[in-house]
Amino acid sequence: MITAPRPHHTAALAAVMSLLTVPVMAQTQLPALTVAQSAPQSPGSDPVAELLRRQGERYRRAPDSAQNPDELRQTQALNDEIVAQNDLAENEDRANAAAHAREQARYQAQLEAAEALRLRHEADLRTAAEAQALHQRQMADWQATVAACERGDRARCNAGRQASTPN
């Protein structure tokens, strides 16, 4: 008597088969990937043709005479459009890079001007503080001289008058 396979047996068999095929697939694909990744490309070589050759396929470009002229014109038009778009994008990139460089130089100049302004402001603050301190010392000296004159200290009073005499 023939019995139909049970569903759980089929699922288990499929799981086992998938587990067995993964290492085999990895072994067969790994060398191809490392060869493709590590193989240096010679100038002018066609990487697609190299990949196909390694996979055992041959790539030969048909001569233009054997190709459909309408397809050739269409392909050339598309290629020309792509080249024009690439040129446009490259010109845009150059213009953007130049604009960025100008803005960066302007920003740097603004930073330098702000730093010079900050340094000048700090110098002005120091000068003002020094002038204020000198004024306070002179005021204290004047007040001491006035107090000496009020007490009758003629030496200090006369010395204060001679020191404060303008030239």
N, C-alpha and C. Protein backbone atom coordinates (compact mmCIF):
# COMPACT_ATOMS: atom_id res chain seq x y z
N MET A 1 0.83 -1.15 0.00
CA MET A 1 0.00 0.00 0.00
C MET A 1 0.89 1.23 0.00
N ILE A 2 0.54 2.22 -0.87
CA ILE A 2 1.29 3.47 -0.99
C ILE A 2 0.55 4.52 -0.18
N THR A 3 1.32 5.20 0.64
CA THR A 3 0.70 6.27 1.45
C THR A 3 1.23 7.61 0.97
N ALA A 4 0.41 8.59 1.09
CA ALA A 4 0.81 9.95 0.70
C ALA A 4 1.78 10.50 1.76
N PRO A 5 2.75 11.27 1.32
CA PRO A 5 3.67 11.83 2.31
C PRO A 5 2.93 12.78 3.25
N ARG A 6 3.34 12.73 4.47
CA ARG A 6 2.71 13.60 5.46
C ARG A 6 3.31 15.01 5.31
N PRO A 7 2.49 16.04 5.50
CA PRO A 7 2.97 17.42 5.32
C PRO A 7 4.16 17.76 6.21
N HIS A 8 4.18 17.30 7.42
CA HIS A 8 5.28 17.66 8.29
C HIS A 8 6.58 16.98 7.84
N HIS A 9 6.48 15.81 7.20
CA HIS A 9 7.67 15.16 6.66
C HIS A 9 8.22 15.95 5.48
N THR A 10 7.33 16.47 4.65
CA THR A 10 7.76 17.25 3.48
C THR A 10 8.43 18.54 3.93
N ALA A 11 7.87 19.20 4.94
CA ALA A 11 8.45 20.44 5.43
C ALA A 11 9.81 20.18 6.06
N ALA A 12 9.92 19.11 6.80
CA ALA A 12 11.20 18.77 7.42
C ALA A 12 12.24 18.45 6.36
N LEU A 13 11.84 17.70 5.33
CA LEU A 13 12.76 17.36 4.25
C LEU A 13 13.21 18.63 3.52
N ALA A 14 12.31 19.57 3.29
CA ALA A 14 12.66 20.83 2.62
C ALA A 14 13.63 21.64 3.47
N ALA A 15 13.41 21.66 4.79
CA ALA A 15 14.30 22.40 5.67
C ALA A 15 15.70 21.80 5.66
N VAL A 16 15.78 20.47 5.70
CA VAL A 16 17.08 19.80 5.68
C VAL A 16 17.79 20.06 4.36
N MET A 17 17.06 20.00 3.27
CA MET A 17 17.66 20.23 1.95
C MET A 17 18.16 21.66 1.83
N SER A 18 17.41 22.61 2.36
CA SER A 18 17.86 24.01 2.27
C SER A 18 19.11 24.22 3.11
N LEU A 19 19.19 23.56 4.26
CA LEU A 19 20.38 23.69 5.08
C LEU A 19 21.59 23.06 4.41
N LEU A 20 21.37 22.00 3.67
CA LEU A 20 22.47 21.35 2.98
C LEU A 20 22.95 22.12 1.76
N THR A 21 22.06 22.84 1.10
CA THR A 21 22.46 23.54 -0.12
C THR A 21 23.13 24.88 0.18
N VAL A 22 22.86 25.50 1.33
CA VAL A 22 23.46 26.80 1.64
C VAL A 22 24.97 26.72 1.67
N PRO A 23 25.60 25.75 2.39
CA PRO A 23 27.07 25.70 2.37
C PRO A 23 27.63 25.43 0.98
N VAL A 24 26.95 24.61 0.20
CA VAL A 24 27.43 24.31 -1.15
C VAL A 24 27.37 25.56 -2.01
N MET A 25 26.27 26.31 -1.90
CA MET A 25 26.15 27.55 -2.68
C MET A 25 27.20 28.56 -2.23
N ALA A 26 27.43 28.65 -0.93
CA ALA A 26 28.43 29.60 -0.43
C ALA A 26 29.82 29.23 -0.92
N GLN A 27 30.11 27.93 -0.96
CA GLN A 27 31.43 27.50 -1.43
C GLN A 27 31.61 27.80 -2.92
N THR A 28 30.57 27.66 -3.70
CA THR A 28 30.71 27.90 -5.13
C THR A 28 30.73 29.37 -5.45
N GLN A 29 30.04 30.20 -4.64
CA GLN A 29 29.99 31.63 -4.94
C GLN A 29 31.15 32.40 -4.33
N LEU A 30 31.67 31.96 -3.22
CA LEU A 30 32.71 32.69 -2.52
C LEU A 30 33.96 32.88 -3.38
N PRO A 31 34.51 31.83 -4.00
CA PRO A 31 35.70 32.07 -4.81
C PRO A 31 35.44 33.04 -5.96
N ALA A 32 34.25 32.98 -6.57
CA ALA A 32 33.96 33.89 -7.67
C ALA A 32 33.93 35.34 -7.17
N LEU A 33 33.36 35.55 -5.97
CA LEU A 33 33.31 36.90 -5.43
C LEU A 33 34.69 37.41 -5.10
N THR A 34 35.52 36.57 -4.46
CA THR A 34 36.84 37.05 -4.10
C THR A 34 37.69 37.29 -5.34
N VAL A 35 37.52 36.48 -6.35
CA VAL A 35 38.26 36.70 -7.60
C VAL A 35 37.79 38.00 -8.24
N ALA A 36 36.47 38.20 -8.25
CA ALA A 36 35.93 39.41 -8.87
C ALA A 36 36.35 40.64 -8.09
N GLN A 37 36.39 40.53 -6.77
CA GLN A 37 36.74 41.69 -5.97
C GLN A 37 38.23 41.96 -5.98
N SER A 38 39.03 40.89 -6.03
CA SER A 38 40.47 41.10 -5.92
C SER A 38 41.17 41.25 -7.25
N ALA A 39 40.52 40.89 -8.33
CA ALA A 39 41.17 40.98 -9.63
C ALA A 39 41.28 42.44 -10.06
N PRO A 40 42.50 42.93 -10.29
CA PRO A 40 42.64 44.32 -10.75
C PRO A 40 42.14 44.45 -12.18
N GLN A 41 41.48 45.54 -12.43
CA GLN A 41 40.96 45.79 -13.76
C GLN A 41 42.03 46.48 -14.59
N SER A 42 42.32 45.89 -15.71
CA SER A 42 43.28 46.53 -16.60
C SER A 42 42.57 47.65 -17.33
N PRO A 43 43.31 48.71 -17.67
CA PRO A 43 42.67 49.83 -18.36
C PRO A 43 42.06 49.37 -19.68
N GLY A 44 40.85 49.80 -19.90
CA GLY A 44 40.18 49.48 -21.16
C GLY A 44 39.48 48.13 -21.14
N SER A 45 39.59 47.35 -20.04
CA SER A 45 38.92 46.05 -20.00
C SER A 45 37.44 46.26 -19.70
N ASP A 46 36.66 45.31 -20.12
CA ASP A 46 35.22 45.38 -19.91
C ASP A 46 34.88 44.49 -18.72
N PRO A 47 34.49 45.06 -17.57
CA PRO A 47 34.23 44.24 -16.39
C PRO A 47 33.07 43.27 -16.59
N VAL A 48 32.08 43.65 -17.39
CA VAL A 48 30.95 42.74 -17.65
C VAL A 48 31.43 41.53 -18.44
N ALA A 49 32.25 41.80 -19.46
CA ALA A 49 32.77 40.69 -20.26
C ALA A 49 33.64 39.78 -19.41
N GLU A 50 34.42 40.36 -18.48
CA GLU A 50 35.26 39.55 -17.59
C GLU A 50 34.40 38.68 -16.69
N LEU A 51 33.34 39.25 -16.12
CA LEU A 51 32.46 38.49 -15.25
C LEU A 51 31.80 37.35 -16.03
N LEU A 52 31.30 37.65 -17.21
CA LEU A 52 30.67 36.61 -18.03
C LEU A 52 31.67 35.52 -18.41
N ARG A 53 32.91 35.93 -18.72
CA ARG A 53 33.93 34.96 -19.09
C ARG A 53 34.23 34.03 -17.91
N ARG A 54 34.32 34.59 -16.71
CA ARG A 54 34.59 33.76 -15.53
C ARG A 54 33.44 32.81 -15.26
N GLN A 55 32.23 33.20 -15.62
CA GLN A 55 31.07 32.34 -15.44
C GLN A 55 30.90 31.36 -16.59
N GLY A 56 31.84 31.37 -17.52
CA GLY A 56 31.79 30.42 -18.63
C GLY A 56 31.00 30.90 -19.83
N GLU A 57 30.58 32.15 -19.82
CA GLU A 57 29.85 32.68 -20.96
C GLU A 57 30.79 33.54 -21.79
N ARG A 58 30.43 33.72 -23.01
CA ARG A 58 31.22 34.54 -23.92
C ARG A 58 30.42 35.78 -24.29
N TYR A 59 31.11 36.89 -24.29
CA TYR A 59 30.48 38.15 -24.67
C TYR A 59 31.23 38.67 -25.87
N ARG A 60 30.51 38.80 -26.93
CA ARG A 60 31.10 39.37 -28.14
C ARG A 60 30.17 40.44 -28.65
N ARG A 61 30.68 41.63 -28.78
CA ARG A 61 29.88 42.71 -29.33
C ARG A 61 29.75 42.50 -30.82
N ALA A 62 28.54 42.55 -31.27
CA ALA A 62 28.31 42.39 -32.70
C ALA A 62 28.80 43.64 -33.41
N PRO A 63 29.35 43.50 -34.60
CA PRO A 63 29.78 44.68 -35.36
C PRO A 63 28.58 45.56 -35.67
N ASP A 64 28.84 46.88 -35.82
CA ASP A 64 27.75 47.81 -36.10
C ASP A 64 26.97 47.43 -37.34
N SER A 65 27.65 46.84 -38.32
CA SER A 65 26.95 46.46 -39.56
C SER A 65 25.92 45.37 -39.33
N ALA A 66 26.09 44.56 -38.30
CA ALA A 66 25.15 43.48 -38.02
C ALA A 66 24.02 43.93 -37.09
N GLN A 67 24.08 45.16 -36.63
CA GLN A 67 23.06 45.64 -35.70
C GLN A 67 22.01 46.46 -36.43
N ASN A 68 20.88 46.60 -35.81
CA ASN A 68 19.77 47.36 -36.37
C ASN A 68 20.15 48.85 -36.31
N PRO A 69 20.15 49.54 -37.45
CA PRO A 69 20.53 50.95 -37.47
C PRO A 69 19.65 51.83 -36.58
N ASP A 70 18.36 51.53 -36.51
CA ASP A 70 17.48 52.32 -35.65
C ASP A 70 17.87 52.15 -34.19
N GLU A 71 18.19 50.93 -33.80
CA GLU A 71 18.62 50.68 -32.42
C GLU A 71 19.95 51.38 -32.14
N LEU A 72 20.85 51.37 -33.12
CA LEU A 72 22.14 52.05 -32.94
C LEU A 72 21.94 53.54 -32.74
N ARG A 73 21.06 54.15 -33.57
CA ARG A 73 20.80 55.58 -33.43
C ARG A 73 20.16 55.88 -32.07
N GLN A 74 19.21 55.05 -31.68
CA GLN A 74 18.53 55.24 -30.40
C GLN A 74 19.53 55.07 -29.24
N THR A 75 20.36 54.06 -29.32
CA THR A 75 21.37 53.84 -28.29
C THR A 75 22.33 55.02 -28.22
N GLN A 76 22.78 55.50 -29.38
CA GLN A 76 23.70 56.63 -29.41
C GLN A 76 23.03 57.89 -28.85
N ALA A 77 21.76 58.08 -29.19
CA ALA A 77 21.04 59.25 -28.66
C ALA A 77 20.92 59.17 -27.13
N LEU A 78 20.62 57.97 -26.63
CA LEU A 78 20.53 57.80 -25.18
C LEU A 78 21.89 58.02 -24.53
N ASN A 79 22.93 57.48 -25.14
CA ASN A 79 24.28 57.68 -24.60
C ASN A 79 24.66 59.16 -24.60
N ASP A 80 24.33 59.86 -25.69
CA ASP A 80 24.62 61.30 -25.77
C ASP A 80 23.86 62.07 -24.69
N GLU A 81 22.61 61.67 -24.45
CA GLU A 81 21.81 62.32 -23.42
C GLU A 81 22.43 62.09 -22.03
N ILE A 82 22.88 60.86 -21.79
CA ILE A 82 23.51 60.55 -20.50
C ILE A 82 24.79 61.35 -20.33
N VAL A 83 25.58 61.44 -21.39
CA VAL A 83 26.83 62.22 -21.32
C VAL A 83 26.50 63.69 -21.05
N ALA A 84 25.48 64.21 -21.73
CA ALA A 84 25.10 65.61 -21.52
C ALA A 84 24.63 65.83 -20.08
N GLN A 85 23.85 64.89 -19.54
CA GLN A 85 23.38 65.01 -18.16
C GLN A 85 24.56 64.92 -17.18
N ASN A 86 25.49 64.02 -17.47
CA ASN A 86 26.69 63.90 -16.62
C ASN A 86 27.52 65.18 -16.67
N ASP A 87 27.68 65.75 -17.86
CA ASP A 87 28.42 67.01 -17.99
C ASP A 87 27.72 68.13 -17.24
N LEU A 88 26.41 68.18 -17.35
CA LEU A 88 25.63 69.20 -16.65
C LEU A 88 25.80 69.03 -15.14
N ALA A 89 25.71 67.80 -14.67
CA ALA A 89 25.86 67.54 -13.23
C ALA A 89 27.27 67.89 -12.77
N GLU A 90 28.27 67.58 -13.58
CA GLU A 90 29.65 67.91 -13.22
C GLU A 90 29.85 69.42 -13.17
N ASN A 91 29.28 70.14 -14.14
CA ASN A 91 29.37 71.60 -14.13
C ASN A 91 28.66 72.19 -12.91
N GLU A 92 27.51 71.61 -12.57
CA GLU A 92 26.78 72.05 -11.37
C GLU A 92 27.61 71.80 -10.12
N ASP A 93 28.24 70.64 -10.06
CA ASP A 93 29.10 70.32 -8.90
C ASP A 93 30.25 71.32 -8.80
N ARG A 94 30.87 71.63 -9.92
CA ARG A 94 31.96 72.61 -9.90
C ARG A 94 31.46 73.98 -9.45
N ALA A 95 30.32 74.40 -9.98
CA ALA A 95 29.75 75.70 -9.59
C ALA A 95 29.40 75.71 -8.11
N ASN A 96 28.81 74.62 -7.63
CA ASN A 96 28.46 74.52 -6.21
C ASN A 96 29.72 74.54 -5.34
N ALA A 97 30.76 73.84 -5.78
CA ALA A 97 32.02 73.82 -5.02
C ALA A 97 32.63 75.23 -4.98
N ALA A 98 32.58 75.94 -6.10
CA ALA A 98 33.12 77.30 -6.14
C ALA A 98 32.31 78.23 -5.24
N ALA A 99 30.99 78.10 -5.28
CA ALA A 99 30.13 78.93 -4.43
C ALA A 99 30.38 78.61 -2.96
N HIS A 100 30.56 77.34 -2.67
CA HIS A 100 30.85 76.93 -1.29
C HIS A 100 32.18 77.53 -0.83
N ALA A 101 33.17 77.48 -1.69
CA ALA A 101 34.49 78.04 -1.34
C ALA A 101 34.38 79.56 -1.11
N ARG A 102 33.60 80.24 -1.95
CA ARG A 102 33.42 81.70 -1.76
C ARG A 102 32.72 81.98 -0.43
N GLU A 103 31.67 81.23 -0.14
CA GLU A 103 30.93 81.43 1.11
C GLU A 103 31.81 81.10 2.32
N GLN A 104 32.60 80.06 2.18
CA GLN A 104 33.50 79.70 3.27
C GLN A 104 34.53 80.80 3.51
N ALA A 105 35.07 81.39 2.43
CA ALA A 105 36.03 82.49 2.56
C ALA A 105 35.36 83.72 3.18
N ARG A 106 34.12 84.00 2.76
CA ARG A 106 33.37 85.13 3.33
C ARG A 106 33.12 84.90 4.82
N TYR A 107 32.73 83.70 5.18
CA TYR A 107 32.48 83.36 6.57
C TYR A 107 33.77 83.50 7.38
N GLN A 108 34.89 83.02 6.84
CA GLN A 108 36.17 83.12 7.53
C GLN A 108 36.56 84.59 7.74
N ALA A 109 36.32 85.42 6.69
CA ALA A 109 36.61 86.85 6.81
C ALA A 109 35.73 87.49 7.90
N GLN A 110 34.46 87.07 7.98
CA GLN A 110 33.57 87.59 9.02
C GLN A 110 34.06 87.16 10.41
N LEU A 111 34.51 85.91 10.52
CA LEU A 111 35.04 85.44 11.80
C LEU A 111 36.26 86.26 12.22
N GLU A 112 37.15 86.51 11.27
CA GLU A 112 38.36 87.28 11.57
C GLU A 112 38.01 88.72 11.95
N ALA A 113 37.04 89.32 11.24
CA ALA A 113 36.63 90.68 11.57
C ALA A 113 35.99 90.72 12.95
N ALA A 114 35.18 89.73 13.27
CA ALA A 114 34.55 89.68 14.59
C ALA A 114 35.60 89.49 15.68
N GLU A 115 36.61 88.69 15.42
CA GLU A 115 37.68 88.49 16.39
C GLU A 115 38.47 89.78 16.59
N ALA A 116 38.76 90.50 15.51
CA ALA A 116 39.48 91.78 15.62
C ALA A 116 38.63 92.78 16.40
N LEU A 117 37.34 92.81 16.14
CA LEU A 117 36.43 93.70 16.87
C LEU A 117 36.40 93.34 18.35
N ARG A 118 36.36 92.05 18.66
CA ARG A 118 36.35 91.60 20.05
C ARG A 118 37.65 92.02 20.75
N LEU A 119 38.78 91.83 20.08
CA LEU A 119 40.07 92.21 20.67
C LEU A 119 40.16 93.72 20.90
N ARG A 120 39.66 94.50 19.93
CA ARG A 120 39.66 95.96 20.08
C ARG A 120 38.76 96.37 21.24
N HIS A 121 37.59 95.74 21.35
CA HIS A 121 36.66 96.03 22.44
C HIS A 121 37.32 95.72 23.79
N GLU A 122 37.99 94.56 23.89
CA GLU A 122 38.66 94.20 25.14
C GLU A 122 39.77 95.20 25.47
N ALA A 123 40.51 95.65 24.46
CA ALA A 123 41.55 96.66 24.68
C ALA A 123 40.92 97.97 25.16
N ASP A 124 39.80 98.36 24.54
CA ASP A 124 39.10 99.57 24.97
C ASP A 124 38.62 99.44 26.41
N LEU A 125 38.12 98.27 26.79
CA LEU A 125 37.68 98.05 28.16
C LEU A 125 38.85 98.17 29.14
N ARG A 126 40.01 97.59 28.76
CA ARG A 126 41.19 97.71 29.63
C ARG A 126 41.62 99.17 29.76
N THR A 127 41.62 99.90 28.64
CA THR A 127 42.01 101.32 28.66
C THR A 127 41.05 102.11 29.53
N ALA A 128 39.76 101.84 29.41
CA ALA A 128 38.76 102.55 30.22
C ALA A 128 38.93 102.20 31.69
N ALA A 129 39.20 100.95 31.99
CA ALA A 129 39.40 100.54 33.39
C ALA A 129 40.65 101.20 33.97
N GLU A 130 41.70 101.27 33.17
CA GLU A 130 42.93 101.94 33.63
C GLU A 130 42.67 103.43 33.85
N ALA A 131 41.92 104.07 32.94
CA ALA A 131 41.61 105.50 33.09
C ALA A 131 40.75 105.72 34.33
N GLN A 132 39.79 104.82 34.56
CA GLN A 132 38.93 104.94 35.74
C GLN A 132 39.76 104.78 37.01
N ALA A 133 40.68 103.79 37.01
CA ALA A 133 41.52 103.58 38.19
C ALA A 133 42.40 104.81 38.44
N LEU A 134 42.97 105.37 37.37
CA LEU A 134 43.80 106.59 37.52
C LEU A 134 42.95 107.73 38.07
N HIS A 135 41.76 107.90 37.54
CA HIS A 135 40.86 108.96 38.01
C HIS A 135 40.53 108.76 39.49
N GLN A 136 40.25 107.52 39.88
CA GLN A 136 39.92 107.24 41.28
C GLN A 136 41.12 107.52 42.19
N ARG A 137 42.34 107.18 41.74
CA ARG A 137 43.54 107.47 42.53
C ARG A 137 43.72 108.99 42.66
N GLN A 138 43.56 109.70 41.54
CA GLN A 138 43.70 111.16 41.57
C GLN A 138 42.62 111.78 42.46
N MET A 139 41.42 111.27 42.41
CA MET A 139 40.33 111.79 43.23
C MET A 139 40.61 111.54 44.71
N ALA A 140 41.11 110.34 45.00
CA ALA A 140 41.45 110.02 46.40
C ALA A 140 42.57 110.92 46.88
N ASP A 141 43.55 111.18 46.02
CA ASP A 141 44.66 112.07 46.40
C ASP A 141 44.12 113.49 46.63
N TRP A 142 43.26 113.95 45.79
CA TRP A 142 42.68 115.30 45.92
C TRP A 142 41.88 115.40 47.21
N GLN A 143 41.08 114.36 47.49
CA GLN A 143 40.28 114.37 48.71
C GLN A 143 41.19 114.38 49.94
N ALA A 144 42.30 113.63 49.86
CA ALA A 144 43.26 113.63 50.99
C ALA A 144 43.89 115.00 51.15
N THR A 145 44.20 115.65 50.04
CA THR A 145 44.78 117.01 50.10
C THR A 145 43.79 117.99 50.70
N VAL A 146 42.53 117.93 50.28
CA VAL A 146 41.48 118.81 50.82
C VAL A 146 41.34 118.57 52.32
N ALA A 147 41.34 117.33 52.72
CA ALA A 147 41.22 117.00 54.15
C ALA A 147 42.42 117.55 54.92
N ALA A 148 43.62 117.44 54.32
CA ALA A 148 44.83 117.97 54.97
C ALA A 148 44.74 119.48 55.11
N CYS A 149 44.26 120.17 54.09
CA CYS A 149 44.11 121.63 54.14
C CYS A 149 43.11 122.01 55.23
N GLU A 150 42.02 121.27 55.37
CA GLU A 150 41.00 121.56 56.37
C GLU A 150 41.55 121.33 57.79
N ARG A 151 42.47 120.40 57.93
CA ARG A 151 43.09 120.13 59.24
C ARG A 151 44.20 121.14 59.55
N GLY A 152 44.61 121.89 58.55
CA GLY A 152 45.65 122.88 58.76
C GLY A 152 47.04 122.37 58.42
N ASP A 153 47.16 121.23 57.75
CA ASP A 153 48.45 120.66 57.34
C ASP A 153 48.90 121.42 56.10
N ARG A 154 49.66 122.53 56.35
CA ARG A 154 50.07 123.39 55.26
C ARG A 154 51.03 122.69 54.31
N ALA A 155 51.89 121.82 54.76
CA ALA A 155 52.87 121.13 53.89
C ALA A 155 52.13 120.25 52.87
N ARG A 156 51.18 119.50 53.36
CA ARG A 156 50.42 118.62 52.45
C ARG A 156 49.53 119.47 51.55
N CYS A 157 48.95 120.49 52.08
CA CYS A 157 48.06 121.36 51.31
C CYS A 157 48.84 122.04 50.19
N ASN A 158 50.03 122.57 50.50
CA ASN A 158 50.84 123.22 49.48
C ASN A 158 51.41 122.20 48.49
N ALA A 159 51.78 121.02 48.94
CA ALA A 159 52.30 119.97 48.04
C ALA A 159 51.21 119.53 47.07
N GLY A 160 49.98 119.45 47.59
CA GLY A 160 48.86 119.04 46.73
C GLY A 160 48.57 120.08 45.64
N ARG A 161 48.74 121.37 46.01
CA ARG A 161 48.50 122.43 45.03
C ARG A 161 49.56 122.42 43.95
N GLN A 162 50.80 122.16 44.32
CA GLN A 162 51.88 122.16 43.32
C GLN A 162 51.74 120.95 42.40
N ALA A 163 51.30 119.80 42.95
CA ALA A 163 51.17 118.57 42.14
C ALA A 163 50.01 118.71 41.17
N SER A 164 48.97 119.43 41.59
CA SER A 164 47.81 119.52 40.72
C SER A 164 47.86 120.72 39.79
N THR A 165 48.94 121.49 39.83
CA THR A 165 49.08 122.66 38.95
C THR A 165 49.27 122.18 37.52
N PRO A 166 48.41 122.63 36.62
CA PRO A 166 48.55 122.18 35.23
C PRO A 166 49.78 122.81 34.58
N ASN A 167 50.36 122.13 33.64
CA ASN A 167 51.57 122.62 32.94
C ASN A 167 51.21 123.62 31.88
